[in-house]
Structure formats: structure tokens, C-alpha cells
Amino acid sequence: MDNVSTPMPITSTTLEKMTPKETHNFLIENGLENFLPMFIDMDGIKLMKLFEIKNKAPQFYYMLIKDKWDQMNQEAKDQSHSRKLPTSMAQFLQLTVILDKLADRFSSK
């Protein structure tokens, strides 16, 4: 018998209580550690709003992600190259796939 576990749903109640530090830990646990500069000021409520936008207006959601991605990469170019930030299209797709999976687990109930 195949023992595939389904990810736990993410509820608005859980997200509303998350501090920025808890939100960053949550993002790291879900594979977004390389993209944390994009989420520097993100708390649970902002993450919940992002998931709501994805569910209600996907095109706008992807525009927001792309704008934030471009901003992160521009800031990396403006600063010294001491830290390596993700910049490739493959990394952008990795970011969107992980965020999409998280958003799909979100339930406003």
C-alpha cells in the first residue's frame, strides 16, 4: 500500500497569528529559503492576502510575484554581489510552483 501523505491545509486562523519570523520559518520549511529577500516584510496576514489574490485573481497574483521578483533582482544588481540571489527563469518557476502549492492548500474557512 502506498503511503502518500497529503499536505495539511493552511487556514486563515493559522496565518493570522503568524509573526514575520514565524512566516519566514514557514516559508523556509516549504522550500522558499532562497527567496526570502522577496518576503522580508511578510507576516501571516500578508501571506494570507497573497493566497486570496491567487485564488480570486490569478493574473494579478502572477503580476505581483513577477514585480517582486524583478525588484529583488534589481536590488541585487545595485548592491555588491556578496550574496547570491536566484535570478534565472528556472528559479522563478520554482518560486511560483512552491507558492502555488502553498496557495492551493490555503482555506479561508
N, C-alpha and C. Protein backbone atom coordinates (compact mmCIF):
# COMPACT_ATOMS: atom_id res chain seq x y z
N MET A 1 0.84 -1.17 0.00
CA MET A 1 0.00 0.00 0.00
C MET A 1 0.89 1.24 0.00
N ASP A 2 0.60 2.16 -0.88
CA ASP A 2 1.38 3.40 -0.99
C ASP A 2 0.95 4.37 0.10
N ASN A 3 1.90 4.86 0.86
CA ASN A 3 1.61 5.73 1.99
C ASN A 3 1.94 7.18 1.64
N VAL A 4 1.19 7.78 0.74
CA VAL A 4 1.42 9.16 0.34
C VAL A 4 0.61 10.07 1.25
N SER A 5 1.29 10.95 1.93
CA SER A 5 0.57 11.87 2.82
C SER A 5 0.21 13.14 2.06
N THR A 6 -0.97 13.62 2.30
CA THR A 6 -1.38 14.87 1.69
C THR A 6 -1.03 16.00 2.64
N PRO A 7 -0.55 17.11 2.10
CA PRO A 7 -0.18 18.24 2.97
C PRO A 7 -1.38 18.76 3.75
N MET A 8 -1.11 19.19 4.95
CA MET A 8 -2.16 19.77 5.79
C MET A 8 -2.65 21.07 5.17
N PRO A 9 -3.95 21.34 5.25
CA PRO A 9 -4.46 22.62 4.77
C PRO A 9 -3.90 23.77 5.61
N ILE A 10 -3.81 24.91 4.99
CA ILE A 10 -3.37 26.13 5.67
C ILE A 10 -4.62 26.96 5.90
N THR A 11 -4.92 27.27 7.14
CA THR A 11 -6.13 28.03 7.44
C THR A 11 -5.81 29.49 7.70
N SER A 12 -6.81 30.33 7.49
CA SER A 12 -6.63 31.76 7.75
C SER A 12 -6.35 32.00 9.23
N THR A 13 -6.94 31.19 10.09
CA THR A 13 -6.71 31.32 11.53
C THR A 13 -5.23 31.12 11.86
N THR A 14 -4.62 30.12 11.24
CA THR A 14 -3.20 29.87 11.45
C THR A 14 -2.37 31.04 10.95
N LEU A 15 -2.65 31.50 9.74
CA LEU A 15 -1.86 32.58 9.15
C LEU A 15 -2.01 33.89 9.91
N GLU A 16 -3.21 34.18 10.37
CA GLU A 16 -3.44 35.45 11.07
C GLU A 16 -2.58 35.59 12.31
N LYS A 17 -2.20 34.48 12.92
CA LYS A 17 -1.43 34.50 14.16
C LYS A 17 0.08 34.54 13.93
N MET A 18 0.52 34.37 12.69
CA MET A 18 1.95 34.26 12.41
C MET A 18 2.65 35.61 12.39
N THR A 19 3.74 35.70 13.13
CA THR A 19 4.60 36.88 13.12
C THR A 19 5.48 36.82 11.87
N PRO A 20 6.17 37.91 11.53
CA PRO A 20 7.10 37.84 10.39
C PRO A 20 8.13 36.72 10.55
N LYS A 21 8.67 36.53 11.74
CA LYS A 21 9.67 35.46 11.95
C LYS A 21 9.04 34.09 11.74
N GLU A 22 7.85 33.88 12.26
CA GLU A 22 7.15 32.60 12.06
C GLU A 22 6.81 32.39 10.58
N THR A 23 6.47 33.46 9.91
CA THR A 23 6.16 33.38 8.48
C THR A 23 7.41 32.98 7.70
N HIS A 24 8.55 33.59 8.03
CA HIS A 24 9.81 33.23 7.37
C HIS A 24 10.15 31.77 7.62
N ASN A 25 9.97 31.30 8.86
CA ASN A 25 10.23 29.89 9.16
C ASN A 25 9.31 28.98 8.35
N PHE A 26 8.05 29.37 8.23
CA PHE A 26 7.08 28.61 7.44
C PHE A 26 7.51 28.55 5.98
N LEU A 27 7.96 29.68 5.43
CA LEU A 27 8.41 29.71 4.04
C LEU A 27 9.66 28.85 3.85
N ILE A 28 10.57 28.89 4.82
CA ILE A 28 11.77 28.05 4.75
C ILE A 28 11.39 26.58 4.78
N GLU A 29 10.50 26.21 5.68
CA GLU A 29 10.05 24.81 5.79
C GLU A 29 9.42 24.31 4.50
N ASN A 30 8.91 25.22 3.69
CA ASN A 30 8.24 24.85 2.45
C ASN A 30 9.09 25.10 1.21
N GLY A 31 10.40 25.25 1.41
CA GLY A 31 11.33 25.31 0.28
C GLY A 31 11.59 26.67 -0.32
N LEU A 32 11.25 27.73 0.39
CA LEU A 32 11.43 29.08 -0.17
C LEU A 32 12.61 29.83 0.45
N GLU A 33 13.56 29.11 1.06
CA GLU A 33 14.67 29.78 1.72
C GLU A 33 15.49 30.67 0.78
N ASN A 34 15.62 30.27 -0.48
CA ASN A 34 16.40 31.08 -1.42
C ASN A 34 15.68 32.35 -1.85
N PHE A 35 14.41 32.46 -1.53
CA PHE A 35 13.61 33.59 -1.99
C PHE A 35 13.19 34.52 -0.85
N LEU A 36 13.75 34.34 0.34
CA LEU A 36 13.35 35.14 1.50
C LEU A 36 13.48 36.65 1.29
N PRO A 37 14.47 37.14 0.51
CA PRO A 37 14.51 38.60 0.30
C PRO A 37 13.21 39.17 -0.28
N MET A 38 12.47 38.36 -0.99
CA MET A 38 11.19 38.81 -1.54
C MET A 38 10.13 38.97 -0.46
N PHE A 39 10.32 38.28 0.65
CA PHE A 39 9.31 38.23 1.70
C PHE A 39 9.78 38.89 2.98
N ILE A 40 10.68 39.85 2.86
CA ILE A 40 11.33 40.45 4.02
C ILE A 40 10.34 41.05 5.01
N ASP A 41 9.27 41.64 4.52
CA ASP A 41 8.30 42.29 5.41
C ASP A 41 6.98 41.52 5.50
N MET A 42 7.03 40.24 5.17
CA MET A 42 5.82 39.42 5.09
C MET A 42 5.49 38.81 6.45
N ASP A 43 4.25 39.01 6.87
CA ASP A 43 3.75 38.30 8.05
C ASP A 43 2.62 37.38 7.58
N GLY A 44 2.00 36.70 8.51
CA GLY A 44 0.95 35.74 8.14
C GLY A 44 -0.23 36.37 7.44
N ILE A 45 -0.62 37.56 7.87
CA ILE A 45 -1.77 38.23 7.25
C ILE A 45 -1.47 38.60 5.80
N LYS A 46 -0.27 39.11 5.55
CA LYS A 46 0.10 39.45 4.17
C LYS A 46 0.18 38.20 3.30
N LEU A 47 0.69 37.12 3.86
CA LEU A 47 0.76 35.86 3.12
C LEU A 47 -0.65 35.36 2.80
N MET A 48 -1.55 35.48 3.76
CA MET A 48 -2.94 35.09 3.55
C MET A 48 -3.56 35.93 2.43
N LYS A 49 -3.31 37.23 2.42
CA LYS A 49 -3.84 38.10 1.37
C LYS A 49 -3.29 37.70 0.01
N LEU A 50 -2.00 37.32 -0.03
CA LEU A 50 -1.40 36.87 -1.29
C LEU A 50 -2.11 35.62 -1.79
N PHE A 51 -2.39 34.67 -0.90
CA PHE A 51 -3.10 33.46 -1.29
C PHE A 51 -4.52 33.77 -1.76
N GLU A 52 -5.19 34.71 -1.10
CA GLU A 52 -6.54 35.10 -1.51
C GLU A 52 -6.51 35.72 -2.90
N ILE A 53 -5.51 36.54 -3.19
CA ILE A 53 -5.38 37.14 -4.52
C ILE A 53 -5.18 36.04 -5.55
N LYS A 54 -4.35 35.05 -5.24
CA LYS A 54 -4.10 33.96 -6.18
C LYS A 54 -5.39 33.22 -6.51
N ASN A 55 -6.21 33.00 -5.49
CA ASN A 55 -7.46 32.26 -5.70
C ASN A 55 -8.53 33.08 -6.40
N LYS A 56 -8.51 34.40 -6.24
CA LYS A 56 -9.56 35.25 -6.82
C LYS A 56 -9.14 35.92 -8.12
N ALA A 57 -7.86 36.25 -8.25
CA ALA A 57 -7.37 36.97 -9.43
C ALA A 57 -5.97 36.47 -9.80
N PRO A 58 -5.89 35.27 -10.37
CA PRO A 58 -4.59 34.67 -10.65
C PRO A 58 -3.66 35.52 -11.51
N GLN A 59 -4.19 36.21 -12.51
CA GLN A 59 -3.32 37.03 -13.36
C GLN A 59 -2.66 38.14 -12.56
N PHE A 60 -3.42 38.77 -11.69
CA PHE A 60 -2.87 39.83 -10.85
C PHE A 60 -1.84 39.26 -9.88
N TYR A 61 -2.12 38.08 -9.35
CA TYR A 61 -1.19 37.39 -8.45
C TYR A 61 0.16 37.18 -9.13
N TYR A 62 0.14 36.66 -10.36
CA TYR A 62 1.40 36.41 -11.06
C TYR A 62 2.11 37.71 -11.40
N MET A 63 1.37 38.77 -11.67
CA MET A 63 1.99 40.08 -11.89
C MET A 63 2.68 40.57 -10.62
N LEU A 64 2.04 40.39 -9.47
CA LEU A 64 2.65 40.78 -8.20
C LEU A 64 3.95 40.02 -7.95
N ILE A 65 3.91 38.71 -8.17
CA ILE A 65 5.10 37.88 -7.95
C ILE A 65 6.21 38.32 -8.90
N LYS A 66 5.87 38.55 -10.16
CA LYS A 66 6.89 38.96 -11.15
C LYS A 66 7.47 40.32 -10.78
N ASP A 67 6.64 41.26 -10.38
CA ASP A 67 7.14 42.58 -9.97
C ASP A 67 8.08 42.48 -8.78
N LYS A 68 7.71 41.67 -7.81
CA LYS A 68 8.55 41.48 -6.62
C LYS A 68 9.86 40.79 -7.00
N TRP A 69 9.79 39.84 -7.91
CA TRP A 69 10.97 39.13 -8.42
C TRP A 69 11.92 40.12 -9.10
N ASP A 70 11.37 40.94 -9.98
CA ASP A 70 12.18 41.94 -10.68
C ASP A 70 12.82 42.92 -9.70
N GLN A 71 12.05 43.34 -8.71
CA GLN A 71 12.56 44.27 -7.70
C GLN A 71 13.71 43.63 -6.92
N MET A 72 13.56 42.38 -6.52
CA MET A 72 14.60 41.68 -5.78
C MET A 72 15.88 41.58 -6.61
N ASN A 73 15.73 41.26 -7.89
CA ASN A 73 16.90 41.12 -8.74
C ASN A 73 17.56 42.47 -9.03
N GLN A 74 16.77 43.53 -9.16
CA GLN A 74 17.34 44.86 -9.37
C GLN A 74 18.12 45.30 -8.14
N GLU A 75 17.57 45.05 -6.96
CA GLU A 75 18.27 45.40 -5.72
C GLU A 75 19.57 44.62 -5.60
N ALA A 76 19.57 43.37 -6.05
CA ALA A 76 20.78 42.56 -6.00
C ALA A 76 21.85 43.13 -6.93
N LYS A 77 21.43 43.63 -8.09
CA LYS A 77 22.39 44.24 -9.02
C LYS A 77 22.94 45.54 -8.46
N ASP A 78 22.10 46.30 -7.77
CA ASP A 78 22.52 47.59 -7.21
C ASP A 78 23.47 47.43 -6.03
N GLN A 79 23.34 46.33 -5.31
CA GLN A 79 24.21 46.08 -4.16
C GLN A 79 25.43 45.31 -4.62
N SER A 80 26.37 45.13 -3.69
CA SER A 80 27.54 44.32 -4.03
C SER A 80 27.08 42.89 -4.27
N HIS A 81 27.86 42.17 -4.97
CA HIS A 81 27.50 40.79 -5.31
C HIS A 81 27.97 39.81 -4.24
N SER A 82 27.96 40.25 -3.00
CA SER A 82 28.44 39.40 -1.92
C SER A 82 27.48 38.25 -1.62
N ARG A 83 26.20 38.46 -1.88
CA ARG A 83 25.27 37.34 -1.65
C ARG A 83 24.63 36.95 -2.97
N LYS A 84 24.48 35.68 -3.15
CA LYS A 84 23.95 35.13 -4.40
C LYS A 84 22.44 35.00 -4.28
N LEU A 85 21.73 35.69 -5.16
CA LEU A 85 20.27 35.61 -5.18
C LEU A 85 19.83 34.88 -6.44
N PRO A 86 18.70 34.20 -6.36
CA PRO A 86 18.20 33.49 -7.53
C PRO A 86 17.77 34.48 -8.62
N THR A 87 18.16 34.20 -9.85
CA THR A 87 17.81 35.13 -10.93
C THR A 87 17.31 34.45 -12.20
N SER A 88 17.47 33.17 -12.33
CA SER A 88 17.14 32.51 -13.59
C SER A 88 15.63 32.26 -13.71
N MET A 89 15.22 32.03 -14.93
CA MET A 89 13.81 31.72 -15.19
C MET A 89 13.42 30.42 -14.49
N ALA A 90 14.33 29.45 -14.46
CA ALA A 90 14.04 28.19 -13.76
C ALA A 90 13.78 28.44 -12.28
N GLN A 91 14.54 29.34 -11.68
CA GLN A 91 14.34 29.67 -10.28
C GLN A 91 13.02 30.42 -10.07
N PHE A 92 12.67 31.28 -11.02
CA PHE A 92 11.38 31.97 -10.94
C PHE A 92 10.23 30.96 -11.00
N LEU A 93 10.35 30.00 -11.89
CA LEU A 93 9.32 28.96 -11.99
C LEU A 93 9.26 28.12 -10.72
N GLN A 94 10.42 27.83 -10.14
CA GLN A 94 10.45 27.09 -8.87
C GLN A 94 9.70 27.88 -7.80
N LEU A 95 9.94 29.18 -7.73
CA LEU A 95 9.26 30.05 -6.78
C LEU A 95 7.75 29.99 -6.97
N THR A 96 7.30 30.16 -8.20
CA THR A 96 5.85 30.19 -8.44
C THR A 96 5.20 28.84 -8.17
N VAL A 97 5.88 27.75 -8.49
CA VAL A 97 5.31 26.42 -8.23
C VAL A 97 5.14 26.20 -6.73
N ILE A 98 6.16 26.55 -5.95
CA ILE A 98 6.07 26.36 -4.50
C ILE A 98 4.97 27.25 -3.92
N LEU A 99 4.93 28.52 -4.33
CA LEU A 99 3.88 29.41 -3.84
C LEU A 99 2.49 28.92 -4.24
N ASP A 100 2.37 28.43 -5.47
CA ASP A 100 1.08 27.91 -5.94
C ASP A 100 0.62 26.73 -5.09
N LYS A 101 1.55 25.84 -4.77
CA LYS A 101 1.19 24.68 -3.94
C LYS A 101 0.74 25.13 -2.55
N LEU A 102 1.42 26.13 -2.00
CA LEU A 102 1.00 26.66 -0.69
C LEU A 102 -0.37 27.31 -0.80
N ALA A 103 -0.57 28.11 -1.84
CA ALA A 103 -1.85 28.79 -2.02
C ALA A 103 -2.99 27.79 -2.23
N ASP A 104 -2.70 26.70 -2.91
CA ASP A 104 -3.72 25.67 -3.12
C ASP A 104 -4.12 24.99 -1.82
N ARG A 105 -3.23 24.98 -0.84
CA ARG A 105 -3.54 24.40 0.47
C ARG A 105 -4.30 25.38 1.36
N PHE A 106 -4.33 26.64 0.97
CA PHE A 106 -4.97 27.67 1.80
C PHE A 106 -6.48 27.53 1.78
N SER A 107 -7.06 27.63 2.95
CA SER A 107 -8.52 27.62 3.09
C SER A 107 -8.92 28.78 3.99
N SER A 108 -9.80 29.64 3.51
CA SER A 108 -10.21 30.80 4.31
C SER A 108 -11.23 30.43 5.37
N LYS A 109 -11.59 29.18 5.46
CA LYS A 109 -12.59 28.72 6.44
C LYS A 109 -11.99 28.57 7.81
